[in-house]
């Protein structure tokens, strides 16, 4: 969004809580849409970019925009059983998976995608052993660990993002932690 557009929607309005934000979003308030975008777009973009791997910033930005458009269309169906951020992450997750499947069908997915994803999510200060251990994990285990420890989501939020039960997420987290521990040994 351009600076001029941002100023146009700038704070003649602020939201005190998520319920008020949701109410304003459902009414079509452009300032609320701008506030929601400003609050969550960076985290959702990072989430998408982690799944795509480095060098895919343009694709991540496109998927982010698709996510926010789909979110606007889906708001009337949002029941409030999760946070708006979790709801948006679930949409981003589905959009990203769809993009990856389409890209894979076209044969454009790199063979070393897993290694690149790990490089993009691990901060440089972490040691090489941890990077190698994460690279050795399955995508399923790596994804749940990223959502839990990088994105700091709760088990119920992860369940919403991945369309799994909380029990399934807890089991997957336990297996992922065990696999990570084994890879580090």
N, C-alpha and C. Protein backbone atom coordinates (compact mmCIF):
# COMPACT_ATOMS: atom_id res chain seq x y z
N UNK A 1 0.85 -1.17 0.00
CA UNK A 1 0.00 0.00 0.00
C UNK A 1 0.89 1.24 0.00
N UNK A 2 0.55 2.21 -0.78
CA UNK A 2 1.33 3.44 -0.87
C UNK A 2 1.15 4.29 0.38
N UNK A 3 2.15 5.14 0.66
CA UNK A 3 2.07 5.99 1.85
C UNK A 3 0.84 6.90 1.81
N UNK A 4 0.53 7.42 0.63
CA UNK A 4 -0.63 8.29 0.51
C UNK A 4 -1.91 7.54 0.88
N UNK A 5 -2.00 6.27 0.44
CA UNK A 5 -3.16 5.47 0.79
C UNK A 5 -3.19 5.18 2.28
N UNK A 6 -2.02 4.91 2.87
CA UNK A 6 -1.96 4.63 4.30
C UNK A 6 -2.44 5.82 5.10
N UNK A 7 -2.04 7.03 4.69
CA UNK A 7 -2.46 8.24 5.40
C UNK A 7 -3.98 8.39 5.31
N UNK A 8 -4.54 8.05 4.14
CA UNK A 8 -5.97 8.20 3.95
C UNK A 8 -6.74 7.36 4.95
N UNK A 9 -6.21 6.19 5.31
CA UNK A 9 -6.89 5.31 6.25
C UNK A 9 -6.36 5.46 7.67
N UNK A 10 -5.51 6.42 7.87
CA UNK A 10 -4.82 6.56 9.15
C UNK A 10 -5.78 6.86 10.28
N UNK A 11 -5.21 6.82 11.46
CA UNK A 11 -5.96 6.68 12.69
C UNK A 11 -6.93 7.79 13.07
N UNK A 12 -8.05 7.86 12.38
CA UNK A 12 -9.17 8.59 12.92
C UNK A 12 -9.97 7.57 13.73
N UNK A 13 -9.43 6.34 13.78
CA UNK A 13 -10.10 5.23 14.41
C UNK A 13 -9.04 4.25 14.91
N UNK A 14 -9.18 3.79 16.12
CA UNK A 14 -8.30 2.72 16.61
C UNK A 14 -9.17 1.69 17.31
N UNK A 15 -8.68 0.47 17.34
CA UNK A 15 -9.44 -0.63 17.90
C UNK A 15 -8.86 -1.01 19.26
N UNK A 16 -9.73 -1.21 20.23
CA UNK A 16 -9.25 -1.58 21.56
C UNK A 16 -9.12 -3.09 21.71
N UNK A 17 -9.91 -3.84 20.97
CA UNK A 17 -9.81 -5.29 21.08
C UNK A 17 -10.22 -5.94 19.75
N UNK A 18 -9.99 -7.23 19.70
CA UNK A 18 -10.24 -7.97 18.47
C UNK A 18 -11.73 -8.01 18.11
N UNK A 19 -12.60 -8.04 19.11
CA UNK A 19 -14.04 -8.07 18.85
C UNK A 19 -14.46 -6.80 18.13
N UNK A 20 -13.96 -5.67 18.59
CA UNK A 20 -14.27 -4.39 17.94
C UNK A 20 -13.70 -4.36 16.53
N UNK A 21 -12.49 -4.87 16.38
CA UNK A 21 -11.86 -4.92 15.07
C UNK A 21 -12.70 -5.76 14.11
N UNK A 22 -13.12 -6.93 14.57
CA UNK A 22 -13.95 -7.80 13.74
C UNK A 22 -15.25 -7.12 13.34
N UNK A 23 -15.87 -6.47 14.29
CA UNK A 23 -17.11 -5.76 14.01
C UNK A 23 -16.89 -4.69 12.94
N UNK A 24 -15.81 -3.93 13.08
CA UNK A 24 -15.51 -2.88 12.11
C UNK A 24 -15.14 -3.46 10.74
N UNK A 25 -14.42 -4.58 10.73
CA UNK A 25 -14.07 -5.23 9.47
C UNK A 25 -15.33 -5.70 8.74
N UNK A 26 -16.26 -6.28 9.48
CA UNK A 26 -17.51 -6.76 8.88
C UNK A 26 -18.35 -5.61 8.34
N UNK A 27 -18.20 -4.43 8.92
CA UNK A 27 -18.91 -3.25 8.42
C UNK A 27 -18.22 -2.63 7.21
N UNK A 28 -17.04 -3.12 6.90
CA UNK A 28 -16.31 -2.61 5.74
C UNK A 28 -15.51 -1.35 6.02
N UNK A 29 -15.18 -1.11 7.27
CA UNK A 29 -14.41 0.07 7.65
C UNK A 29 -12.99 -0.04 7.10
N UNK A 30 -12.59 0.86 6.19
CA UNK A 30 -11.24 0.77 5.61
C UNK A 30 -10.13 0.99 6.64
N UNK A 31 -10.38 1.78 7.66
CA UNK A 31 -9.37 1.99 8.69
C UNK A 31 -9.14 0.70 9.48
N UNK A 32 -10.21 -0.06 9.72
CA UNK A 32 -10.07 -1.34 10.42
C UNK A 32 -9.31 -2.32 9.55
N UNK A 33 -9.59 -2.33 8.26
CA UNK A 33 -8.86 -3.22 7.34
C UNK A 33 -7.38 -2.86 7.34
N UNK A 34 -7.10 -1.58 7.31
CA UNK A 34 -5.71 -1.12 7.34
C UNK A 34 -5.04 -1.53 8.66
N UNK A 35 -5.75 -1.35 9.77
CA UNK A 35 -5.19 -1.71 11.07
C UNK A 35 -4.91 -3.21 11.14
N UNK A 36 -5.85 -4.03 10.68
CA UNK A 36 -5.64 -5.48 10.68
C UNK A 36 -4.44 -5.84 9.82
N UNK A 37 -4.34 -5.23 8.66
CA UNK A 37 -3.21 -5.49 7.76
C UNK A 37 -1.89 -5.10 8.44
N UNK A 38 -1.86 -3.95 9.05
CA UNK A 38 -0.63 -3.48 9.72
C UNK A 38 -0.27 -4.38 10.90
N UNK A 39 -1.26 -4.87 11.62
CA UNK A 39 -0.99 -5.71 12.78
C UNK A 39 -0.43 -7.08 12.40
N UNK A 40 -0.95 -7.67 11.33
CA UNK A 40 -0.66 -9.07 11.06
C UNK A 40 0.05 -9.39 9.75
N UNK A 41 0.15 -8.46 8.84
CA UNK A 41 0.70 -8.79 7.52
C UNK A 41 2.15 -9.27 7.59
N UNK A 42 2.96 -8.67 8.44
CA UNK A 42 4.37 -9.07 8.52
C UNK A 42 4.51 -10.51 9.01
N UNK A 43 3.74 -10.87 10.03
CA UNK A 43 3.80 -12.24 10.55
C UNK A 43 3.27 -13.25 9.54
N UNK A 44 2.18 -12.92 8.89
CA UNK A 44 1.61 -13.84 7.90
C UNK A 44 2.55 -13.96 6.71
N UNK A 45 3.15 -12.86 6.30
CA UNK A 45 4.12 -12.89 5.19
C UNK A 45 5.30 -13.79 5.57
N UNK A 46 5.79 -13.66 6.79
CA UNK A 46 6.90 -14.50 7.25
C UNK A 46 6.51 -15.97 7.26
N UNK A 47 5.29 -16.25 7.71
CA UNK A 47 4.77 -17.62 7.72
C UNK A 47 4.74 -18.20 6.30
N UNK A 48 4.27 -17.43 5.35
CA UNK A 48 4.20 -17.87 3.96
C UNK A 48 5.60 -18.06 3.40
N UNK A 49 6.47 -17.11 3.65
CA UNK A 49 7.84 -17.18 3.13
C UNK A 49 8.59 -18.38 3.68
N UNK A 50 8.33 -18.74 4.92
CA UNK A 50 8.97 -19.92 5.51
C UNK A 50 8.57 -21.17 4.74
N UNK A 51 7.31 -21.24 4.36
CA UNK A 51 6.83 -22.42 3.63
C UNK A 51 7.39 -22.46 2.21
N UNK A 52 7.57 -21.30 1.59
CA UNK A 52 8.04 -21.26 0.20
C UNK A 52 9.55 -21.37 0.09
N UNK A 53 10.26 -20.89 1.08
CA UNK A 53 11.72 -20.90 1.02
C UNK A 53 12.26 -19.57 0.52
N UNK A 54 13.56 -19.39 0.69
CA UNK A 54 14.18 -18.11 0.31
C UNK A 54 14.13 -17.90 -1.20
N UNK A 55 14.18 -16.64 -1.58
CA UNK A 55 14.15 -16.31 -3.00
C UNK A 55 12.75 -16.28 -3.57
N UNK A 56 11.75 -16.42 -2.72
CA UNK A 56 10.36 -16.44 -3.19
C UNK A 56 9.56 -15.28 -2.62
N UNK A 57 10.22 -14.15 -2.39
CA UNK A 57 9.56 -13.00 -1.78
C UNK A 57 8.38 -12.51 -2.61
N UNK A 58 8.54 -12.49 -3.93
CA UNK A 58 7.45 -12.02 -4.80
C UNK A 58 6.25 -12.95 -4.70
N UNK A 59 6.51 -14.26 -4.73
CA UNK A 59 5.41 -15.22 -4.60
C UNK A 59 4.76 -15.09 -3.23
N UNK A 60 5.56 -14.90 -2.19
CA UNK A 60 5.01 -14.75 -0.84
C UNK A 60 4.13 -13.51 -0.76
N UNK A 61 4.56 -12.44 -1.39
CA UNK A 61 3.75 -11.21 -1.39
C UNK A 61 2.43 -11.43 -2.13
N UNK A 62 2.48 -12.15 -3.25
CA UNK A 62 1.26 -12.45 -4.00
C UNK A 62 0.31 -13.29 -3.16
N UNK A 63 0.84 -14.31 -2.49
CA UNK A 63 0.00 -15.17 -1.65
C UNK A 63 -0.55 -14.38 -0.47
N UNK A 64 0.24 -13.46 0.07
CA UNK A 64 -0.24 -12.62 1.16
C UNK A 64 -1.45 -11.80 0.70
N UNK A 65 -1.35 -11.21 -0.48
CA UNK A 65 -2.47 -10.42 -1.00
C UNK A 65 -3.70 -11.31 -1.24
N UNK A 66 -3.47 -12.50 -1.80
CA UNK A 66 -4.58 -13.45 -2.01
C UNK A 66 -5.20 -13.83 -0.67
N UNK A 67 -4.37 -14.00 0.34
CA UNK A 67 -4.86 -14.35 1.67
C UNK A 67 -5.78 -13.27 2.21
N UNK A 68 -5.37 -12.01 2.09
CA UNK A 68 -6.19 -10.92 2.62
C UNK A 68 -7.47 -10.74 1.81
N UNK A 69 -7.41 -11.00 0.51
CA UNK A 69 -8.65 -10.94 -0.30
C UNK A 69 -9.59 -12.07 0.12
N UNK A 70 -9.05 -13.27 0.31
CA UNK A 70 -9.88 -14.40 0.73
C UNK A 70 -10.42 -14.17 2.14
N UNK A 71 -9.62 -13.55 2.98
CA UNK A 71 -10.06 -13.24 4.34
C UNK A 71 -11.26 -12.30 4.31
N UNK A 72 -11.19 -11.29 3.46
CA UNK A 72 -12.31 -10.34 3.35
C UNK A 72 -13.59 -11.06 2.93
N UNK A 73 -13.45 -12.01 2.01
CA UNK A 73 -14.62 -12.77 1.55
C UNK A 73 -15.12 -13.74 2.62
N UNK A 74 -14.22 -14.24 3.46
CA UNK A 74 -14.57 -15.24 4.45
C UNK A 74 -15.05 -14.65 5.78
N UNK A 75 -14.87 -13.37 6.01
CA UNK A 75 -15.24 -12.77 7.30
C UNK A 75 -16.69 -13.04 7.71
N UNK A 76 -17.65 -13.00 6.77
CA UNK A 76 -19.02 -13.29 7.22
C UNK A 76 -19.19 -14.69 7.80
N UNK A 77 -18.27 -15.59 7.47
CA UNK A 77 -18.37 -16.98 7.94
C UNK A 77 -17.50 -17.25 9.17
N UNK A 78 -16.76 -16.25 9.60
CA UNK A 78 -15.89 -16.40 10.77
C UNK A 78 -16.76 -16.48 12.01
N UNK A 79 -16.61 -17.59 12.76
CA UNK A 79 -17.46 -17.83 13.93
C UNK A 79 -16.81 -17.38 15.24
N UNK A 80 -15.57 -16.97 15.20
CA UNK A 80 -14.91 -16.49 16.40
C UNK A 80 -14.39 -17.60 17.30
N UNK A 81 -14.25 -18.82 16.77
CA UNK A 81 -13.75 -19.92 17.58
C UNK A 81 -12.23 -19.88 17.72
N UNK A 82 -11.60 -18.98 16.98
CA UNK A 82 -10.16 -18.77 17.08
C UNK A 82 -9.92 -17.27 16.96
N UNK A 83 -8.67 -16.88 17.05
CA UNK A 83 -8.37 -15.46 16.87
C UNK A 83 -8.41 -15.13 15.38
N UNK A 84 -8.54 -13.87 15.07
CA UNK A 84 -8.50 -13.45 13.67
C UNK A 84 -7.17 -13.82 13.02
N UNK A 85 -6.09 -13.71 13.79
CA UNK A 85 -4.78 -14.06 13.26
C UNK A 85 -4.72 -15.55 12.89
N UNK A 86 -5.24 -16.40 13.74
CA UNK A 86 -5.26 -17.83 13.46
C UNK A 86 -6.11 -18.12 12.23
N UNK A 87 -7.24 -17.47 12.14
CA UNK A 87 -8.12 -17.61 10.98
C UNK A 87 -7.37 -17.19 9.70
N UNK A 88 -6.67 -16.07 9.77
CA UNK A 88 -5.89 -15.59 8.61
C UNK A 88 -4.75 -16.56 8.28
N UNK A 89 -4.11 -17.11 9.30
CA UNK A 89 -3.02 -18.08 9.08
C UNK A 89 -3.55 -19.34 8.41
N UNK A 90 -4.72 -19.78 8.80
CA UNK A 90 -5.31 -20.97 8.19
C UNK A 90 -5.56 -20.72 6.70
N UNK A 91 -6.04 -19.54 6.38
CA UNK A 91 -6.26 -19.19 4.97
C UNK A 91 -4.92 -19.13 4.25
N UNK A 92 -3.93 -18.50 4.86
CA UNK A 92 -2.59 -18.40 4.26
C UNK A 92 -2.00 -19.79 4.05
N UNK A 93 -2.20 -20.67 5.01
CA UNK A 93 -1.70 -22.05 4.91
C UNK A 93 -2.31 -22.74 3.70
N UNK A 94 -3.61 -22.63 3.53
CA UNK A 94 -4.28 -23.27 2.38
C UNK A 94 -3.83 -22.65 1.06
N UNK A 95 -3.71 -21.35 1.03
CA UNK A 95 -3.26 -20.67 -0.19
C UNK A 95 -1.84 -21.08 -0.55
N UNK A 96 -0.97 -21.18 0.46
CA UNK A 96 0.42 -21.56 0.24
C UNK A 96 0.52 -23.00 -0.25
N UNK A 97 -0.22 -23.90 0.39
CA UNK A 97 -0.21 -25.30 -0.05
C UNK A 97 -0.71 -25.43 -1.49
N UNK A 98 -1.74 -24.70 -1.80
CA UNK A 98 -2.27 -24.72 -3.17
C UNK A 98 -1.21 -24.23 -4.16
N UNK A 99 -0.52 -23.17 -3.81
CA UNK A 99 0.54 -22.63 -4.67
C UNK A 99 1.66 -23.65 -4.85
N UNK A 100 2.08 -24.28 -3.75
CA UNK A 100 3.17 -25.26 -3.82
C UNK A 100 2.75 -26.46 -4.66
N UNK A 101 1.51 -26.94 -4.49
CA UNK A 101 1.04 -28.06 -5.30
C UNK A 101 1.03 -27.71 -6.78
N UNK A 102 0.54 -26.53 -7.10
CA UNK A 102 0.50 -26.09 -8.50
C UNK A 102 1.91 -25.99 -9.05
N UNK A 103 2.78 -25.42 -8.28
CA UNK A 103 4.17 -25.26 -8.71
C UNK A 103 4.86 -26.62 -8.87
N UNK A 104 4.57 -27.53 -7.97
CA UNK A 104 5.17 -28.87 -8.04
C UNK A 104 4.67 -29.59 -9.29
N UNK A 105 3.40 -29.44 -9.58
CA UNK A 105 2.85 -30.07 -10.78
C UNK A 105 3.54 -29.55 -12.03
N UNK A 106 3.95 -28.32 -11.98
CA UNK A 106 4.65 -27.73 -13.13
C UNK A 106 6.13 -28.06 -13.13
N UNK A 107 6.57 -28.78 -12.12
CA UNK A 107 7.97 -29.19 -12.07
C UNK A 107 8.93 -28.07 -11.73
N UNK A 108 8.46 -27.03 -11.06
CA UNK A 108 9.31 -25.89 -10.76
C UNK A 108 9.86 -25.91 -9.34
N UNK A 109 9.49 -26.92 -8.56
CA UNK A 109 9.94 -26.97 -7.17
C UNK A 109 11.38 -27.45 -7.12
N UNK A 110 12.21 -26.75 -6.41
CA UNK A 110 13.62 -27.11 -6.33
C UNK A 110 13.81 -28.37 -5.50
N UNK A 111 14.81 -29.18 -5.85
CA UNK A 111 15.10 -30.41 -5.11
C UNK A 111 15.59 -30.13 -3.71
N UNK A 112 16.29 -29.05 -3.54
CA UNK A 112 16.83 -28.75 -2.21
C UNK A 112 15.93 -27.79 -1.45
N UNK A 113 14.64 -27.83 -1.71
CA UNK A 113 13.68 -26.94 -1.07
C UNK A 113 13.74 -27.05 0.45
N UNK A 114 13.81 -28.24 0.97
CA UNK A 114 13.83 -28.43 2.42
C UNK A 114 15.00 -27.70 3.06
N UNK A 115 16.17 -27.84 2.48
CA UNK A 115 17.35 -27.18 3.02
C UNK A 115 17.18 -25.66 2.99
N UNK A 116 16.63 -25.15 1.91
CA UNK A 116 16.45 -23.70 1.79
C UNK A 116 15.41 -23.18 2.77
N UNK A 117 14.35 -23.94 3.00
CA UNK A 117 13.34 -23.53 3.97
C UNK A 117 13.96 -23.41 5.35
N UNK A 118 14.74 -24.40 5.72
CA UNK A 118 15.39 -24.36 7.03
C UNK A 118 16.31 -23.16 7.13
N UNK A 119 17.08 -22.89 6.09
CA UNK A 119 17.97 -21.72 6.12
C UNK A 119 17.19 -20.43 6.30
N UNK A 120 16.02 -20.36 5.69
CA UNK A 120 15.25 -19.11 5.77
C UNK A 120 14.61 -18.89 7.13
N UNK A 121 14.35 -19.98 7.88
CA UNK A 121 13.64 -19.80 9.15
C UNK A 121 14.57 -19.74 10.36
N UNK A 122 15.76 -20.22 10.21
CA UNK A 122 16.67 -20.24 11.34
C UNK A 122 17.48 -18.96 11.34
N UNK A 123 17.46 -18.29 12.45
CA UNK A 123 18.23 -17.06 12.55
C UNK A 123 19.71 -17.39 12.57
N UNK A 124 20.54 -16.50 12.02
CA UNK A 124 21.97 -16.76 11.90
C UNK A 124 22.67 -17.08 13.22
N UNK A 125 22.15 -16.60 14.32
CA UNK A 125 22.85 -16.82 15.59
C UNK A 125 22.73 -18.25 16.09
N UNK A 126 21.80 -19.03 15.53
CA UNK A 126 21.66 -20.41 15.97
C UNK A 126 22.77 -21.26 15.37
N UNK A 127 23.15 -22.29 16.09
CA UNK A 127 24.28 -23.09 15.64
C UNK A 127 23.94 -24.03 14.48
N UNK A 128 24.98 -24.46 13.81
CA UNK A 128 24.84 -25.30 12.62
C UNK A 128 24.20 -26.64 12.94
N UNK A 129 24.46 -27.19 14.13
CA UNK A 129 23.86 -28.47 14.49
C UNK A 129 22.34 -28.40 14.49
N UNK A 130 21.78 -27.32 15.02
CA UNK A 130 20.34 -27.16 15.03
C UNK A 130 19.80 -27.01 13.61
N UNK A 131 20.49 -26.25 12.79
CA UNK A 131 20.09 -26.10 11.39
C UNK A 131 20.06 -27.45 10.69
N UNK A 132 21.10 -28.24 10.90
CA UNK A 132 21.18 -29.57 10.28
C UNK A 132 20.08 -30.49 10.79
N UNK A 133 19.82 -30.41 12.10
CA UNK A 133 18.78 -31.26 12.69
C UNK A 133 17.41 -30.90 12.14
N UNK A 134 17.11 -29.62 12.02
CA UNK A 134 15.82 -29.20 11.45
C UNK A 134 15.71 -29.61 9.98
N UNK A 135 16.81 -29.52 9.26
CA UNK A 135 16.80 -29.91 7.85
C UNK A 135 16.51 -31.40 7.70
N UNK A 136 16.89 -32.19 8.69
CA UNK A 136 16.69 -33.63 8.63
C UNK A 136 15.24 -34.04 8.95
N UNK A 137 14.46 -33.14 9.53
CA UNK A 137 13.08 -33.46 9.89
C UNK A 137 12.18 -33.48 8.67
N UNK A 138 11.07 -34.17 8.81
CA UNK A 138 10.06 -34.15 7.75
C UNK A 138 9.41 -32.77 7.71
N UNK A 139 8.84 -32.43 6.59
CA UNK A 139 8.17 -31.13 6.45
C UNK A 139 7.06 -30.99 7.48
N UNK A 140 6.35 -32.07 7.74
CA UNK A 140 5.26 -32.08 8.71
C UNK A 140 5.76 -31.72 10.12
N UNK A 141 6.87 -32.32 10.53
CA UNK A 141 7.43 -32.03 11.85
C UNK A 141 8.00 -30.62 11.91
N UNK A 142 8.69 -30.22 10.87
CA UNK A 142 9.29 -28.88 10.84
C UNK A 142 8.20 -27.82 10.91
N UNK A 143 7.11 -28.02 10.17
CA UNK A 143 6.03 -27.04 10.14
C UNK A 143 5.41 -26.84 11.52
N UNK A 144 5.13 -27.93 12.22
CA UNK A 144 4.50 -27.80 13.53
C UNK A 144 5.45 -27.15 14.54
N UNK A 145 6.75 -27.45 14.44
CA UNK A 145 7.73 -26.81 15.32
C UNK A 145 7.84 -25.31 15.02
N UNK A 146 7.80 -24.94 13.77
CA UNK A 146 7.87 -23.52 13.39
C UNK A 146 6.66 -22.77 13.94
N UNK A 147 5.48 -23.35 13.75
CA UNK A 147 4.27 -22.69 14.24
C UNK A 147 4.30 -22.53 15.76
N UNK A 148 4.81 -23.54 16.45
CA UNK A 148 4.84 -23.50 17.91
C UNK A 148 5.93 -22.58 18.45
N UNK A 149 7.15 -22.72 17.93
CA UNK A 149 8.28 -22.04 18.56
C UNK A 149 8.77 -20.79 17.84
N UNK A 150 8.48 -20.66 16.56
CA UNK A 150 8.88 -19.44 15.85
C UNK A 150 7.70 -18.47 15.82
N UNK A 151 6.53 -18.99 15.43
CA UNK A 151 5.34 -18.13 15.36
C UNK A 151 4.64 -17.99 16.71
N UNK A 152 5.02 -18.83 17.68
CA UNK A 152 4.51 -18.76 19.04
C UNK A 152 2.99 -18.93 19.12
N UNK A 153 2.46 -19.87 18.34
CA UNK A 153 1.03 -20.16 18.37
C UNK A 153 0.74 -21.22 19.43
N UNK A 154 -0.47 -21.19 19.96
CA UNK A 154 -0.90 -22.21 20.91
C UNK A 154 -1.27 -23.48 20.15
N UNK A 155 -1.45 -24.56 20.88
CA UNK A 155 -1.83 -25.83 20.25
C UNK A 155 -3.18 -25.67 19.54
N UNK A 156 -4.12 -24.98 20.16
CA UNK A 156 -5.43 -24.81 19.51
C UNK A 156 -5.32 -23.94 18.26
N UNK A 157 -4.47 -22.94 18.28
CA UNK A 157 -4.26 -22.11 17.09
C UNK A 157 -3.60 -22.92 15.98
N UNK A 158 -2.63 -23.75 16.33
CA UNK A 158 -1.97 -24.60 15.34
C UNK A 158 -2.99 -25.56 14.74
N UNK A 159 -3.85 -26.11 15.59
CA UNK A 159 -4.90 -27.02 15.11
C UNK A 159 -5.78 -26.31 14.09
N UNK A 160 -6.10 -25.06 14.36
CA UNK A 160 -6.91 -24.29 13.41
C UNK A 160 -6.19 -24.03 12.10
N UNK A 161 -4.91 -23.72 12.18
CA UNK A 161 -4.12 -23.45 10.97
C UNK A 161 -3.98 -24.70 10.11
N UNK A 162 -3.71 -25.83 10.76
CA UNK A 162 -3.44 -27.07 10.02
C UNK A 162 -4.68 -27.93 9.79
N UNK A 163 -5.83 -27.46 10.27
CA UNK A 163 -7.08 -28.22 10.16
C UNK A 163 -6.95 -29.61 10.77
N UNK A 164 -6.39 -29.65 11.98
CA UNK A 164 -6.23 -30.89 12.73
C UNK A 164 -6.89 -30.72 14.09
N UNK A 165 -7.10 -31.84 14.78
CA UNK A 165 -7.59 -31.75 16.15
C UNK A 165 -6.44 -31.33 17.06
N UNK A 166 -6.77 -30.83 18.23
CA UNK A 166 -5.73 -30.44 19.18
C UNK A 166 -4.91 -31.66 19.58
N UNK A 167 -5.57 -32.79 19.73
CA UNK A 167 -4.86 -34.01 20.08
C UNK A 167 -3.85 -34.39 18.99
N UNK A 168 -4.25 -34.26 17.74
CA UNK A 168 -3.34 -34.57 16.63
C UNK A 168 -2.14 -33.64 16.63
N UNK A 169 -2.38 -32.36 16.95
CA UNK A 169 -1.27 -31.40 17.00
C UNK A 169 -0.34 -31.74 18.16
N UNK A 170 -0.90 -32.07 19.31
CA UNK A 170 -0.06 -32.44 20.46
C UNK A 170 0.78 -33.66 20.14
N UNK A 171 0.19 -34.65 19.47
CA UNK A 171 0.93 -35.85 19.08
C UNK A 171 2.02 -35.52 18.09
N UNK A 172 1.68 -34.68 17.11
CA UNK A 172 2.66 -34.30 16.10
C UNK A 172 3.81 -33.51 16.73
N UNK A 173 3.47 -32.63 17.66
CA UNK A 173 4.51 -31.88 18.36
C UNK A 173 5.43 -32.81 19.15
N UNK A 174 4.85 -33.78 19.83
CA UNK A 174 5.66 -34.72 20.61
C UNK A 174 6.59 -35.51 19.69
N UNK A 175 6.06 -35.99 18.57
CA UNK A 175 6.90 -36.72 17.61
C UNK A 175 7.96 -35.82 17.01
N UNK A 176 7.61 -34.56 16.74
CA UNK A 176 8.57 -33.62 16.14
C UNK A 176 9.69 -33.30 17.12
N UNK A 177 9.33 -33.09 18.39
CA UNK A 177 10.35 -32.83 19.41
C UNK A 177 11.30 -34.03 19.56
N UNK A 178 10.70 -35.23 19.56
CA UNK A 178 11.51 -36.45 19.67
C UNK A 178 12.43 -36.59 18.47
N UNK A 179 11.90 -36.34 17.27
CA UNK A 179 12.73 -36.43 16.06
C UNK A 179 13.84 -35.39 16.07
N UNK A 180 13.53 -34.18 16.54
CA UNK A 180 14.54 -33.13 16.62
C UNK A 180 15.62 -33.52 17.64
N UNK A 181 15.20 -34.03 18.78
CA UNK A 181 16.14 -34.46 19.81
C UNK A 181 17.04 -35.57 19.27
N UNK A 182 16.45 -36.51 18.57
CA UNK A 182 17.23 -37.62 18.00
C UNK A 182 18.22 -37.09 16.93
N UNK A 183 17.77 -36.15 16.13
CA UNK A 183 18.63 -35.58 15.09
C UNK A 183 19.78 -34.78 15.70
N UNK A 184 19.53 -34.19 16.88
CA UNK A 184 20.59 -33.42 17.54
C UNK A 184 21.61 -34.31 18.24
N UNK A 185 21.24 -35.56 18.56
CA UNK A 185 22.17 -36.48 19.24
C UNK A 185 23.18 -37.05 18.35
